[in-house]
PDB file of N, CA and C in Angstrom:
ATOM      1  N   UNK A   1     -13.901   7.935  75.053  1.00  0.00           N
ATOM      2  CA  UNK A   1     -12.609   7.977  74.640  1.00  0.00           C
ATOM      3  C   UNK A   1     -12.244   9.320  73.725  1.00  0.00           C
ATOM      4  N   UNK A   2     -12.905   8.765  72.856  1.00  0.00           N
ATOM      5  CA  UNK A   2     -13.214   9.869  71.405  1.00  0.00           C
ATOM      6  C   UNK A   2     -13.749  11.387  72.182  1.00  0.00           C
ATOM      7  N   UNK A   3     -14.783  11.394  73.087  1.00  0.00           N
ATOM      8  CA  UNK A   3     -15.064  12.709  73.617  1.00  0.00           C
ATOM      9  C   UNK A   3     -13.639  13.186  74.462  1.00  0.00           C
ATOM     10  N   UNK A   4     -13.288  12.673  74.827  1.00  0.00           N
ATOM     11  CA  UNK A   4     -12.062  13.363  75.547  1.00  0.00           C
ATOM     12  C   UNK A   4     -10.907  13.639  74.985  1.00  0.00           C
ATOM     13  N   UNK A   5     -10.993  13.166  73.732  1.00  0.00           N
ATOM     14  CA  UNK A   5      -9.781  13.445  72.902  1.00  0.00           C
ATOM     15  C   UNK A   5     -10.383  14.778  72.241  1.00  0.00           C
ATOM     16  N   UNK A   6     -11.653  14.809  71.685  1.00  0.00           N
ATOM     17  CA  UNK A   6     -12.170  15.795  70.849  1.00  0.00           C
ATOM     18  C   UNK A   6     -12.023  17.048  72.119  1.00  0.00           C
ATOM     19  N   UNK A   7     -12.589  16.737  73.153  1.00  0.00           N
ATOM     20  CA  UNK A   7     -12.228  17.945  74.452  1.00  0.00           C
ATOM     21  C   UNK A   7     -10.919  18.636  74.373  1.00  0.00           C
ATOM     22  N   UNK A   8      -9.664  17.655  74.420  1.00  0.00           N
ATOM     23  CA  UNK A   8      -8.535  17.868  74.817  1.00  0.00           C
ATOM     24  C   UNK A   8      -8.265  18.812  73.437  1.00  0.00           C
ATOM     25  N   UNK A   9      -8.445  17.960  72.223  1.00  0.00           N
ATOM     26  CA  UNK A   9      -8.039  18.785  71.282  1.00  0.00           C
ATOM     27  C   UNK A   9      -8.469  20.235  71.165  1.00  0.00           C
ATOM     28  N   UNK A  10      -9.161  20.510  71.673  1.00  0.00           N
ATOM     29  CA  UNK A  10      -9.909  22.174  71.324  1.00  0.00           C
ATOM     30  C   UNK A  10      -8.921  22.659  72.453  1.00  0.00           C
ATOM     31  N   UNK A  11      -8.734  21.986  73.836  1.00  0.00           N
ATOM     32  CA  UNK A  11      -8.090  22.429  75.103  1.00  0.00           C
ATOM     33  C   UNK A  11      -6.759  22.967  74.896  1.00  0.00           C
ATOM     34  N   UNK A  12      -6.168  22.251  73.701  1.00  0.00           N
ATOM     35  CA  UNK A  12      -4.431  22.542  73.270  1.00  0.00           C
ATOM     36  C   UNK A  12      -4.271  23.458  72.238  1.00  0.00           C
ATOM     37  N   UNK A  13      -4.797  23.472  71.214  1.00  0.00           N
ATOM     38  CA  UNK A  13      -4.880  24.171  70.248  1.00  0.00           C
ATOM     39  C   UNK A  13      -5.668  24.292  69.052  1.00  0.00           C
ATOM     40  N   UNK A  14      -5.948  25.418  67.976  1.00  0.00           N
ATOM     41  CA  UNK A  14      -6.678  24.861  67.263  1.00  0.00           C
ATOM     42  C   UNK A  14      -5.942  23.536  66.096  1.00  0.00           C
ATOM     43  N   UNK A  15      -4.802  23.748  66.038  1.00  0.00           N
ATOM     44  CA  UNK A  15      -4.447  22.370  64.681  1.00  0.00           C
ATOM     45  C   UNK A  15      -4.426  21.337  65.678  1.00  0.00           C
ATOM     46  N   UNK A  16      -4.388  21.386  66.938  1.00  0.00           N
ATOM     47  CA  UNK A  16      -4.782  19.794  67.768  1.00  0.00           C
ATOM     48  C   UNK A  16      -6.179  19.491  67.696  1.00  0.00           C
ATOM     49  N   UNK A  17      -7.037  20.631  67.377  1.00  0.00           N
ATOM     50  CA  UNK A  17      -8.415  20.526  67.212  1.00  0.00           C
ATOM     51  C   UNK A  17      -8.633  19.543  65.775  1.00  0.00           C
ATOM     52  N   UNK A  18      -8.198  20.182  64.744  1.00  0.00           N
ATOM     53  CA  UNK A  18      -7.984  19.536  63.749  1.00  0.00           C
ATOM     54  C   UNK A  18      -7.723  18.564  63.760  1.00  0.00           C
ATOM     55  N   UNK A  19      -6.279  18.334  64.305  1.00  0.00           N
ATOM     56  CA  UNK A  19      -5.824  16.731  64.131  1.00  0.00           C
ATOM     57  C   UNK A  19      -6.733  15.916  64.653  1.00  0.00           C
ATOM     58  N   UNK A  20      -7.595  16.037  65.762  1.00  0.00           N
ATOM     59  CA  UNK A  20      -8.656  15.060  66.371  1.00  0.00           C
ATOM     60  C   UNK A  20      -9.393  14.652  65.001  1.00  0.00           C
ATOM     61  N   UNK A  21     -10.343  15.875  64.231  1.00  0.00           N
ATOM     62  CA  UNK A  21     -11.034  15.977  63.321  1.00  0.00           C
ATOM     63  C   UNK A  21     -10.579  15.134  62.240  1.00  0.00           C
ATOM     64  N   UNK A  22      -9.173  15.322  61.952  1.00  0.00           N
ATOM     65  CA  UNK A  22      -8.645  14.600  60.777  1.00  0.00           C
ATOM     66  C   UNK A  22      -8.611  12.923  61.104  1.00  0.00           C
ATOM     67  N   UNK A  23      -8.274  12.690  62.426  1.00  0.00           N
ATOM     68  CA  UNK A  23      -8.318  10.870  62.973  1.00  0.00           C
ATOM     69  C   UNK A  23     -10.053  10.673  62.604  1.00  0.00           C
ATOM     70  N   UNK A  24     -10.548  11.980  62.903  1.00  0.00           N
ATOM     71  CA  UNK A  24     -12.274  11.100  63.104  1.00  0.00           C
ATOM     72  C   UNK A  24     -12.893  10.959  61.580  1.00  0.00           C
ATOM     73  N   UNK A  25     -12.117  11.973  60.831  1.00  0.00           N
ATOM     74  CA  UNK A  25     -12.546  11.651  59.184  1.00  0.00           C
ATOM     75  C   UNK A  25     -11.740  10.601  58.443  1.00  0.00           C
ATOM     76  N   UNK A  26     -10.634  10.573  58.862  1.00  0.00           N
ATOM     77  CA  UNK A  26      -9.671   9.133  58.409  1.00  0.00           C
ATOM     78  C   UNK A  26      -9.482   8.363  59.226  1.00  0.00           C
ATOM     79  N   UNK A  27     -10.412   7.435  59.772  1.00  0.00           N
ATOM     80  CA  UNK A  27     -10.032   6.479  60.725  1.00  0.00           C
ATOM     81  C   UNK A  27      -9.226   5.313  60.362  1.00  0.00           C
ATOM     82  N   UNK A  28      -8.316   4.739  60.834  1.00  0.00           N
ATOM     83  CA  UNK A  28      -7.138   3.709  59.920  1.00  0.00           C
ATOM     84  C   UNK A  28      -8.251   2.693  60.013  1.00  0.00           C
ATOM     85  N   UNK A  29      -7.755   1.737  58.816  1.00  0.00           N
ATOM     86  CA  UNK A  29      -8.494   0.814  58.257  1.00  0.00           C
ATOM     87  C   UNK A  29      -8.839   0.056  59.589  1.00  0.00           C
ATOM     88  N   UNK A  30      -8.113  -0.306  59.975  1.00  0.00           N
ATOM     89  CA  UNK A  30      -8.007  -1.758  61.214  1.00  0.00           C
ATOM     90  C   UNK A  30      -8.858  -1.248  62.481  1.00  0.00           C
ATOM     91  N   UNK A  31      -9.710  -0.049  62.210  1.00  0.00           N
ATOM     92  CA  UNK A  31     -10.567   0.420  63.037  1.00  0.00           C
ATOM     93  C   UNK A  31     -11.780   0.746  62.326  1.00  0.00           C
ATOM     94  N   UNK A  32     -12.725  -0.507  63.073  1.00  0.00           N
ATOM     95  CA  UNK A  32     -14.322  -0.359  62.633  1.00  0.00           C
ATOM     96  C   UNK A  32     -15.022   0.260  63.202  1.00  0.00           C
ATOM     97  N   UNK A  33     -15.623   1.379  62.558  1.00  0.00           N
ATOM     98  CA  UNK A  33     -16.512   2.482  62.982  1.00  0.00           C
ATOM     99  C   UNK A  33     -17.225   2.629  62.163  1.00  0.00           C
ATOM    100  N   UNK A  34     -18.449   2.955  62.556  1.00  0.00           N
ATOM    101  CA  UNK A  34     -19.647   3.093  61.263  1.00  0.00           C
ATOM    102  C   UNK A  34     -19.663   4.795  61.051  1.00  0.00           C
ATOM    103  N   UNK A  35     -20.506   4.714  59.642  1.00  0.00           N
ATOM    104  CA  UNK A  35     -20.432   6.137  59.513  1.00  0.00           C
ATOM    105  C   UNK A  35     -21.047   7.136  60.159  1.00  0.00           C
ATOM    106  N   UNK A  36     -22.591   6.482  60.786  1.00  0.00           N
ATOM    107  CA  UNK A  36     -23.141   6.983  61.592  1.00  0.00           C
ATOM    108  C   UNK A  36     -22.371   7.288  62.998  1.00  0.00           C
ATOM    109  N   UNK A  37     -21.424   6.579  63.507  1.00  0.00           N
ATOM    110  CA  UNK A  37     -20.700   7.268  64.794  1.00  0.00           C
ATOM    111  C   UNK A  37     -19.955   8.423  64.337  1.00  0.00           C
ATOM    112  N   UNK A  38     -19.172   7.916  63.277  1.00  0.00           N
ATOM    113  CA  UNK A  38     -18.372   9.030  62.682  1.00  0.00           C
ATOM    114  C   UNK A  38     -19.104  10.521  63.058  1.00  0.00           C
ATOM    115  N   UNK A  39     -20.312  10.306  62.481  1.00  0.00           N
ATOM    116  CA  UNK A  39     -20.714  11.788  62.532  1.00  0.00           C
ATOM    117  C   UNK A  39     -21.475  12.175  63.812  1.00  0.00           C
ATOM    118  N   UNK A  40     -21.652  11.061  64.503  1.00  0.00           N
ATOM    119  CA  UNK A  40     -21.923  11.376  66.086  1.00  0.00           C
ATOM    120  C   UNK A  40     -20.951  12.401  66.316  1.00  0.00           C
ATOM    121  N   UNK A  41     -19.517  11.976  66.302  1.00  0.00           N
ATOM    122  CA  UNK A  41     -18.637  12.498  67.146  1.00  0.00           C
ATOM    123  C   UNK A  41     -18.036  13.977  66.101  1.00  0.00           C
ATOM    124  N   UNK A  42     -18.509  14.030  65.008  1.00  0.00           N
ATOM    125  CA  UNK A  42     -18.318  14.861  63.903  1.00  0.00           C
ATOM    126  C   UNK A  42     -19.256  16.309  64.722  1.00  0.00           C
ATOM    127  N   UNK A  43     -20.598  15.723  65.009  1.00  0.00           N
ATOM    128  CA  UNK A  43     -21.425  16.838  65.521  1.00  0.00           C
ATOM    129  C   UNK A  43     -20.763  17.396  67.003  1.00  0.00           C
ATOM    130  N   UNK A  44     -19.902  16.352  67.923  1.00  0.00           N
ATOM    131  CA  UNK A  44     -19.633  16.440  69.056  1.00  0.00           C
ATOM    132  C   UNK A  44     -18.562  17.680  68.897  1.00  0.00           C
ATOM    133  N   UNK A  45     -17.692  17.248  68.095  1.00  0.00           N
ATOM    134  CA  UNK A  45     -16.440  18.106  67.456  1.00  0.00           C
ATOM    135  C   UNK A  45     -16.950  19.350  67.265  1.00  0.00           C
ATOM    136  N   UNK A  46     -18.036  19.675  66.375  1.00  0.00           N
ATOM    137  CA  UNK A  46     -18.604  20.719  65.735  1.00  0.00           C
ATOM    138  C   UNK A  46     -18.837  21.958  67.350  1.00  0.00           C
ATOM    139  N   UNK A  47     -18.807  21.346  68.032  1.00  0.00           N
ATOM    140  CA  UNK A  47     -19.708  21.918  69.581  1.00  0.00           C
ATOM    141  C   UNK A  47     -18.366  22.690  70.129  1.00  0.00           C
ATOM    142  N   UNK A  48     -17.375  22.619  69.729  1.00  0.00           N
ATOM    143  CA  UNK A  48     -16.162  23.364  70.502  1.00  0.00           C
ATOM    144  C   UNK A  48     -16.079  24.425  69.698  1.00  0.00           C
ATOM    145  N   UNK A  49     -15.002  25.576  70.269  1.00  0.00           N
ATOM    146  CA  UNK A  49     -15.326  27.097  69.720  1.00  0.00           C
ATOM    147  C   UNK A  49     -15.191  27.570  68.582  1.00  0.00           C
ATOM    148  N   UNK A  50     -15.852  28.796  68.107  1.00  0.00           N
ATOM    149  CA  UNK A  50     -16.068  29.224  66.944  1.00  0.00           C
ATOM    150  C   UNK A  50     -14.768  29.862  66.407  1.00  0.00           C
ATOM    151  N   UNK A  51     -14.663  29.504  65.375  1.00  0.00           N
ATOM    152  CA  UNK A  51     -13.386  29.773  64.342  1.00  0.00           C
ATOM    153  C   UNK A  51     -13.712  30.159  62.772  1.00  0.00           C
ATOM    154  N   UNK A  52     -13.088  31.281  62.299  1.00  0.00           N
ATOM    155  CA  UNK A  52     -13.295  31.118  60.785  1.00  0.00           C
ATOM    156  C   UNK A  52     -13.041  30.153  60.071  1.00  0.00           C
ATOM    157  N   UNK A  53     -12.442  29.217  60.598  1.00  0.00           N
ATOM    158  CA  UNK A  53     -11.593  28.021  59.705  1.00  0.00           C
ATOM    159  C   UNK A  53     -12.977  26.746  59.966  1.00  0.00           C
ATOM    160  N   UNK A  54     -13.604  26.500  60.552  1.00  0.00           N
ATOM    161  CA  UNK A  54     -14.452  25.395  61.128  1.00  0.00           C
ATOM    162  C   UNK A  54     -15.384  25.061  60.487  1.00  0.00           C
ATOM    163  N   UNK A  55     -16.212  25.773  60.026  1.00  0.00           N
ATOM    164  CA  UNK A  55     -17.608  25.607  58.872  1.00  0.00           C
ATOM    165  C   UNK A  55     -16.895  24.964  57.879  1.00  0.00           C
ATOM    166  N   UNK A  56     -16.026  25.809  56.909  1.00  0.00           N
ATOM    167  CA  UNK A  56     -15.301  25.513  55.786  1.00  0.00           C
ATOM    168  C   UNK A  56     -14.423  24.323  55.472  1.00  0.00           C
ATOM    169  N   UNK A  57     -13.778  23.844  56.997  1.00  0.00           N
ATOM    170  CA  UNK A  57     -13.127  22.313  56.876  1.00  0.00           C
ATOM    171  C   UNK A  57     -14.140  21.144  56.986  1.00  0.00           C
ATOM    172  N   UNK A  58     -15.268  21.474  57.620  1.00  0.00           N
ATOM    173  CA  UNK A  58     -16.354  20.805  58.376  1.00  0.00           C
ATOM    174  C   UNK A  58     -17.143  20.032  56.969  1.00  0.00           C
ATOM    175  N   UNK A  59     -16.944  21.222  55.751  1.00  0.00           N
ATOM    176  CA  UNK A  59     -17.741  20.654  54.741  1.00  0.00           C
ATOM    177  C   UNK A  59     -16.698  19.607  54.438  1.00  0.00           C
ATOM    178  N   UNK A  60     -15.194  19.557  54.109  1.00  0.00           N
ATOM    179  CA  UNK A  60     -14.537  18.641  53.586  1.00  0.00           C
ATOM    180  C   UNK A  60     -14.666  17.733  54.476  1.00  0.00           C
ATOM    181  N   UNK A  61     -14.940  17.764  55.759  1.00  0.00           N
ATOM    182  CA  UNK A  61     -14.518  16.965  56.906  1.00  0.00           C
ATOM    183  C   UNK A  61     -15.543  15.621  56.527  1.00  0.00           C
ATOM    184  N   UNK A  62     -17.064  16.417  56.150  1.00  0.00           N
ATOM    185  CA  UNK A  62     -18.181  15.711  55.798  1.00  0.00           C
ATOM    186  C   UNK A  62     -18.144  14.821  54.713  1.00  0.00           C
ATOM    187  N   UNK A  63     -17.333  15.515  53.377  1.00  0.00           N
ATOM    188  CA  UNK A  63     -17.176  14.598  52.396  1.00  0.00           C
ATOM    189  C   UNK A  63     -16.021  13.334  52.533  1.00  0.00           C
ATOM    190  N   UNK A  64     -15.152  13.313  53.654  1.00  0.00           N
ATOM    191  CA  UNK A  64     -14.332  12.217  53.918  1.00  0.00           C
ATOM    192  C   UNK A  64     -14.880  11.040  54.886  1.00  0.00           C
ATOM    193  N   UNK A  65     -16.113  11.724  55.375  1.00  0.00           N
ATOM    194  CA  UNK A  65     -16.849  10.820  55.880  1.00  0.00           C
ATOM    195  C   UNK A  65     -17.696   9.766  55.257  1.00  0.00           C
ATOM    196  N   UNK A  66     -18.231  10.951  54.262  1.00  0.00           N
ATOM    197  CA  UNK A  66     -19.425  10.411  53.094  1.00  0.00           C
ATOM    198  C   UNK A  66     -18.768   9.503  52.367  1.00  0.00           C
ATOM    199  N   UNK A  67     -17.342   9.501  52.007  1.00  0.00           N
ATOM    200  CA  UNK A  67     -16.784   9.069  50.818  1.00  0.00           C
ATOM    201  C   UNK A  67     -16.952   9.790  49.464  1.00  0.00           C
ATOM    202  N   UNK A  68     -17.564  10.986  49.729  1.00  0.00           N
ATOM    203  CA  UNK A  68     -17.303  12.071  48.786  1.00  0.00           C
ATOM    204  C   UNK A  68     -15.939  12.855  48.519  1.00  0.00           C
ATOM    205  N   UNK A  69     -15.896  13.173  47.126  1.00  0.00           N
ATOM    206  CA  UNK A  69     -14.484  14.441  46.966  1.00  0.00           C
ATOM    207  C   UNK A  69     -14.921  15.468  46.510  1.00  0.00           C
ATOM    208  N   UNK A  70     -14.180  16.707  46.915  1.00  0.00           N
ATOM    209  CA  UNK A  70     -14.636  17.792  46.971  1.00  0.00           C
ATOM    210  C   UNK A  70     -13.663  18.172  45.377  1.00  0.00           C
ATOM    211  N   UNK A  71     -14.511  18.635  44.595  1.00  0.00           N
ATOM    212  CA  UNK A  71     -13.825  18.748  42.702  1.00  0.00           C
ATOM    213  C   UNK A  71     -12.288  19.615  43.569  1.00  0.00           C
ATOM    214  N   UNK A  72     -11.503  19.322  42.629  1.00  0.00           N
ATOM    215  CA  UNK A  72     -10.041  19.734  43.253  1.00  0.00           C
ATOM    216  C   UNK A  72     -10.260  21.406  43.206  1.00  0.00           C
ATOM    217  N   UNK A  73     -10.711  21.643  42.186  1.00  0.00           N
ATOM    218  CA  UNK A  73     -10.688  23.599  42.488  1.00  0.00           C
ATOM    219  C   UNK A  73     -11.042  24.141  43.585  1.00  0.00           C
ATOM    220  N   UNK A  74     -11.996  23.453  44.068  1.00  0.00           N
ATOM    221  CA  UNK A  74     -12.574  24.146  45.431  1.00  0.00           C
ATOM    222  C   UNK A  74     -11.973  23.467  46.655  1.00  0.00           C
ATOM    223  N   UNK A  75     -11.194  22.483  46.321  1.00  0.00           N
ATOM    224  CA  UNK A  75     -10.358  22.027  47.168  1.00  0.00           C
ATOM    225  C   UNK A  75      -9.072  23.090  47.488  1.00  0.00           C
ATOM    226  N   UNK A  76      -8.634  23.400  46.386  1.00  0.00           N
ATOM    227  CA  UNK A  76      -7.436  24.168  46.470  1.00  0.00           C
ATOM    228  C   UNK A  76      -7.790  25.670  46.898  1.00  0.00           C
ATOM    229  N   UNK A  77      -9.308  26.184  46.882  1.00  0.00           N
ATOM    230  CA  UNK A  77      -9.654  27.146  47.277  1.00  0.00           C
ATOM    231  C   UNK A  77      -9.668  27.165  48.766  1.00  0.00           C
ATOM    232  N   UNK A  78     -10.105  25.679  49.241  1.00  0.00           N
ATOM    233  CA  UNK A  78     -10.416  25.761  50.538  1.00  0.00           C
ATOM    234  C   UNK A  78      -8.975  25.594  51.132  1.00  0.00           C
ATOM    235  N   UNK A  79      -8.102  25.277  50.442  1.00  0.00           N
ATOM    236  CA  UNK A  79      -6.508  25.333  50.775  1.00  0.00           C
ATOM    237  C   UNK A  79      -6.239  26.097  51.010  1.00  0.00           C
ATOM    238  N   UNK A  80      -6.151  27.146  50.096  1.00  0.00           N
ATOM    239  CA  UNK A  80      -5.853  28.764  50.047  1.00  0.00           C
ATOM    240  C   UNK A  80      -6.232  29.311  51.083  1.00  0.00           C
ATOM    241  N   UNK A  81      -7.787  29.244  51.777  1.00  0.00           N
ATOM    242  CA  UNK A  81      -8.207  29.740  52.470  1.00  0.00           C
ATOM    243  C   UNK A  81      -7.164  29.709  53.927  1.00  0.00           C
ATOM    244  N   UNK A  82      -7.261  28.118  54.411  1.00  0.00           N
ATOM    245  CA  UNK A  82      -6.389  27.542  55.309  1.00  0.00           C
ATOM    246  C   UNK A  82      -5.106  28.007  55.289  1.00  0.00           C
ATOM    247  N   UNK A  83      -4.092  28.350  54.393  1.00  0.00           N
ATOM    248  CA  UNK A  83      -3.049  28.854  54.163  1.00  0.00           C
ATOM    249  C   UNK A  83      -3.083  30.435  54.615  1.00  0.00           C
ATOM    250  N   UNK A  84      -4.005  31.115  55.047  1.00  0.00           N
ATOM    251  CA  UNK A  84      -4.419  32.327  55.541  1.00  0.00           C
ATOM    252  C   UNK A  84      -4.416  32.059  57.191  1.00  0.00           C
ATOM    253  N   UNK A  85      -4.321  30.632  58.013  1.00  0.00           N
ATOM    254  CA  UNK A  85      -3.937  30.774  59.145  1.00  0.00           C
ATOM    255  C   UNK A  85      -2.884  30.153  59.392  1.00  0.00           C
ATOM    256  N   UNK A  86      -1.958  30.533  59.733  1.00  0.00           N
ATOM    257  CA  UNK A  86      -0.600  29.917  60.187  1.00  0.00           C
ATOM    258  C   UNK A  86      -0.577  28.768  60.857  1.00  0.00           C
ATOM    259  N   UNK A  87       0.239  27.748  60.345  1.00  0.00           N
ATOM    260  CA  UNK A  87       0.359  26.496  60.736  1.00  0.00           C
ATOM    261  C   UNK A  87      -0.560  25.634  60.915  1.00  0.00           C
ATOM    262  N   UNK A  88      -1.761  25.895  60.099  1.00  0.00           N
ATOM    263  CA  UNK A  88      -2.766  24.752  60.242  1.00  0.00           C
ATOM    264  C   UNK A  88      -2.995  23.537  59.457  1.00  0.00           C
ATOM    265  N   UNK A  89      -1.724  22.864  59.862  1.00  0.00           N
ATOM    266  CA  UNK A  89      -1.518  21.671  58.912  1.00  0.00           C
ATOM    267  C   UNK A  89      -2.601  20.715  59.052  1.00  0.00           C
ATOM    268  N   UNK A  90      -3.238  20.562  60.123  1.00  0.00           N
ATOM    269  CA  UNK A  90      -4.078  19.472  59.880  1.00  0.00           C
ATOM    270  C   UNK A  90      -5.450  19.935  59.350  1.00  0.00           C
ATOM    271  N   UNK A  91      -5.792  20.846  59.698  1.00  0.00           N
ATOM    272  CA  UNK A  91      -6.986  21.330  58.402  1.00  0.00           C
ATOM    273  C   UNK A  91      -6.594  21.232  57.164  1.00  0.00           C
ATOM    274  N   UNK A  92      -5.268  21.975  56.846  1.00  0.00           N
ATOM    275  CA  UNK A  92      -4.752  21.734  55.250  1.00  0.00           C
ATOM    276  C   UNK A  92      -5.171  20.355  55.094  1.00  0.00           C
ATOM    277  N   UNK A  93      -4.505  19.404  55.796  1.00  0.00           N
ATOM    278  CA  UNK A  93      -4.697  17.604  55.456  1.00  0.00           C
ATOM    279  C   UNK A  93      -6.070  17.427  55.242  1.00  0.00           C
ATOM    280  N   UNK A  94      -6.930  18.161  55.786  1.00  0.00           N
ATOM    281  CA  UNK A  94      -8.390  17.392  55.362  1.00  0.00           C
ATOM    282  C   UNK A  94      -9.109  17.872  54.398  1.00  0.00           C
ATOM    283  N   UNK A  95      -8.367  19.037  54.045  1.00  0.00           N
ATOM    284  CA  UNK A  95      -8.942  19.711  52.683  1.00  0.00           C
ATOM    285  C   UNK A  95      -8.275  18.867  51.527  1.00  0.00           C
ATOM    286  N   UNK A  96      -6.861  18.540  51.822  1.00  0.00           N
ATOM    287  CA  UNK A  96      -6.423  17.882  50.361  1.00  0.00           C
ATOM    288  C   UNK A  96      -6.748  16.733  50.459  1.00  0.00           C
ATOM    289  N   UNK A  97      -6.694  15.812  51.495  1.00  0.00           N
ATOM    290  CA  UNK A  97      -7.514  14.510  51.442  1.00  0.00           C
ATOM    291  C   UNK A  97      -9.134  14.627  50.840  1.00  0.00           C
ATOM    292  N   UNK A  98      -9.555  15.703  51.302  1.00  0.00           N
ATOM    293  CA  UNK A  98     -11.041  15.365  50.463  1.00  0.00           C
ATOM    294  C   UNK A  98     -11.126  15.621  49.110  1.00  0.00           C
ATOM    295  N   UNK A  99     -10.154  16.137  48.531  1.00  0.00           N
ATOM    296  CA  UNK A  99     -10.185  16.680  47.261  1.00  0.00           C
ATOM    297  C   UNK A  99      -9.890  15.471  46.084  1.00  0.00           C
ATOM    298  N   UNK A 100     -10.936  15.730  44.990  1.00  0.00           N
ATOM    299  CA  UNK A 100     -10.689  14.737  43.830  1.00  0.00           C
ATOM    300  C   UNK A 100      -9.446  15.015  43.288  1.00  0.00           C
ATOM    301  N   UNK A 101      -8.362  13.958  43.122  1.00  0.00           N
ATOM    302  CA  UNK A 101      -7.121  14.434  43.017  1.00  0.00           C
ATOM    303  C   UNK A 101      -6.858  12.989  41.670  1.00  0.00           C
ATOM    304  N   UNK A 102      -7.916  12.978  41.180  1.00  0.00           N
ATOM    305  CA  UNK A 102      -8.296  11.773  40.035  1.00  0.00           C
ATOM    306  C   UNK A 102      -7.596  11.847  38.615  1.00  0.00           C
ATOM    307  N   UNK A 103      -7.273  13.288  38.766  1.00  0.00           N
ATOM    308  CA  UNK A 103      -6.486  13.562  37.102  1.00  0.00           C
ATOM    309  C   UNK A 103      -5.377  13.919  37.259  1.00  0.00           C
ATOM    310  N   UNK A 104      -4.573  14.060  36.370  1.00  0.00           N
ATOM    311  CA  UNK A 104      -2.763  14.279  36.647  1.00  0.00           C
ATOM    312  C   UNK A 104      -2.945  15.979  37.130  1.00  0.00           C
ATOM    313  N   UNK A 105      -3.756  16.755  36.215  1.00  0.00           N
ATOM    314  CA  UNK A 105      -4.117  18.119  36.427  1.00  0.00           C
ATOM    315  C   UNK A 105      -4.572  18.212  37.680  1.00  0.00           C
ATOM    316  N   UNK A 106      -5.541  17.524  38.532  1.00  0.00           N
ATOM    317  CA  UNK A 106      -6.128  18.182  39.689  1.00  0.00           C
ATOM    318  C   UNK A 106      -4.672  17.688  40.766  1.00  0.00           C
ATOM    319  N   UNK A 107      -4.556  16.652  40.660  1.00  0.00           N
ATOM    320  CA  UNK A 107      -3.025  15.924  41.208  1.00  0.00           C
ATOM    321  C   UNK A 107      -2.156  16.775  41.480  1.00  0.00           C
ATOM    322  N   UNK A 108      -1.715  17.434  40.427  1.00  0.00           N
ATOM    323  CA  UNK A 108      -0.342  18.359  40.347  1.00  0.00           C
ATOM    324  C   UNK A 108      -1.178  19.769  41.226  1.00  0.00           C
ATOM    325  N   UNK A 109      -2.103  19.758  40.253  1.00  0.00           N
ATOM    326  CA  UNK A 109      -2.801  21.334  40.987  1.00  0.00           C
ATOM    327  C   UNK A 109      -2.797  21.136  42.687  1.00  0.00           C
ATOM    328  N   UNK A 110      -3.296  20.196  43.138  1.00  0.00           N
ATOM    329  CA  UNK A 110      -3.426  19.725  44.687  1.00  0.00           C
ATOM    330  C   UNK A 110      -2.174  19.889  45.280  1.00  0.00           C
ATOM    331  N   UNK A 111      -0.852  19.223  44.885  1.00  0.00           N
ATOM    332  CA  UNK A 111       0.338  18.848  45.491  1.00  0.00           C
ATOM    333  C   UNK A 111       1.027  20.386  45.503  1.00  0.00           C
ATOM    334  N   UNK A 112       0.657  21.156  44.612  1.00  0.00           N
ATOM    335  CA  UNK A 112       1.563  22.346  44.199  1.00  0.00           C
ATOM    336  C   UNK A 112       0.919  23.167  45.257  1.00  0.00           C
ATOM    337  N   UNK A 113      -0.358  23.374  45.497  1.00  0.00           N
ATOM    338  CA  UNK A 113      -0.925  24.226  46.400  1.00  0.00           C
ATOM    339  C   UNK A 113      -0.865  23.636  47.807  1.00  0.00           C
ATOM    340  N   UNK A 114      -0.401  22.527  48.084  1.00  0.00           N
ATOM    341  CA  UNK A 114      -0.423  22.214  49.181  1.00  0.00           C
ATOM    342  C   UNK A 114       1.566  22.426  49.875  1.00  0.00           C
ATOM    343  N   UNK A 115       2.102  22.531  48.867  1.00  0.00           N
ATOM    344  CA  UNK A 115       3.688  22.566  49.050  1.00  0.00           C
ATOM    345  C   UNK A 115       3.979  23.977  49.284  1.00  0.00           C
ATOM    346  N   UNK A 116       3.301  24.746  48.433  1.00  0.00           N
ATOM    347  CA  UNK A 116       3.342  26.574  48.289  1.00  0.00           C
ATOM    348  C   UNK A 116       2.936  26.634  49.753  1.00  0.00           C
ATOM    349  N   UNK A 117       1.437  26.367  50.001  1.00  0.00           N
ATOM    350  CA  UNK A 117       1.404  26.517  51.678  1.00  0.00           C
ATOM    351  C   UNK A 117       2.474  26.404  52.490  1.00  0.00           C
ATOM    352  N   UNK A 118       2.624  25.258  52.475  1.00  0.00           N
ATOM    353  CA  UNK A 118       3.624  24.826  53.728  1.00  0.00           C
ATOM    354  C   UNK A 118       4.922  25.415  53.601  1.00  0.00           C
ATOM    355  N   UNK A 119       5.306  25.808  52.340  1.00  0.00           N
ATOM    356  CA  UNK A 119       6.599  26.605  52.365  1.00  0.00           C
ATOM    357  C   UNK A 119       6.538  27.816  52.802  1.00  0.00           C
ATOM    358  N   UNK A 120       5.134  28.705  52.390  1.00  0.00           N
ATOM    359  CA  UNK A 120       5.198  30.164  53.258  1.00  0.00           C
ATOM    360  C   UNK A 120       5.114  30.114  54.827  1.00  0.00           C
ATOM    361  N   UNK A 121       4.539  28.788  55.282  1.00  0.00           N
ATOM    362  CA  UNK A 121       4.305  28.926  56.658  1.00  0.00           C
ATOM    363  C   UNK A 121       5.795  28.168  57.362  1.00  0.00           C
ATOM    364  N   UNK A 122       6.466  27.948  56.633  1.00  0.00           N
ATOM    365  CA  UNK A 122       8.127  27.156  56.902  1.00  0.00           C
ATOM    366  C   UNK A 122       9.182  28.878  56.755  1.00  0.00           C
ATOM    367  N   UNK A 123       8.978  29.557  55.922  1.00  0.00           N
ATOM    368  CA  UNK A 123       9.385  30.760  55.659  1.00  0.00           C
ATOM    369  C   UNK A 123       9.079  31.865  56.721  1.00  0.00           C
ATOM    370  N   UNK A 124       8.027  31.425  57.444  1.00  0.00           N
ATOM    371  CA  UNK A 124       7.643  32.257  58.510  1.00  0.00           C
ATOM    372  C   UNK A 124       7.965  31.969  59.847  1.00  0.00           C
ATOM    373  N   UNK A 125       8.652  30.588  59.955  1.00  0.00           N
ATOM    374  CA  UNK A 125       8.839  29.544  60.780  1.00  0.00           C
ATOM    375  C   UNK A 125       7.618  29.119  61.905  1.00  0.00           C
ATOM    376  N   UNK A 126       6.333  28.940  60.920  1.00  0.00           N
ATOM    377  CA  UNK A 126       5.337  28.529  61.662  1.00  0.00           C
ATOM    378  C   UNK A 126       4.958  26.973  61.056  1.00  0.00           C
TER     379      UNK A 126
END
């Protein structure tokens, strides 16, 4: 089933593909799936079409699967990069949730970057 969803995501749109990736990286707590299986599915997802966002977002995806955090400044840089691609909300969510917001400064900066990018997209109706 997961393989079929990965393929369908890529067939629908780039954002749909990143929605599937987001679900793979952050499965619901009610789902019992091993990190090994998630890595297998991530490798399968990586087989989709090439895009400039694919490699940078994959680094954040690996962090989420492995339970690691990107330093918040790196997370913001990734979010700003994603912001250059209109409407890639799922990719933005992956970067946001992979980033360490353990400090008030980091939390505020991540929230502000997310809000700014989404506002820019909304202003362009994307």
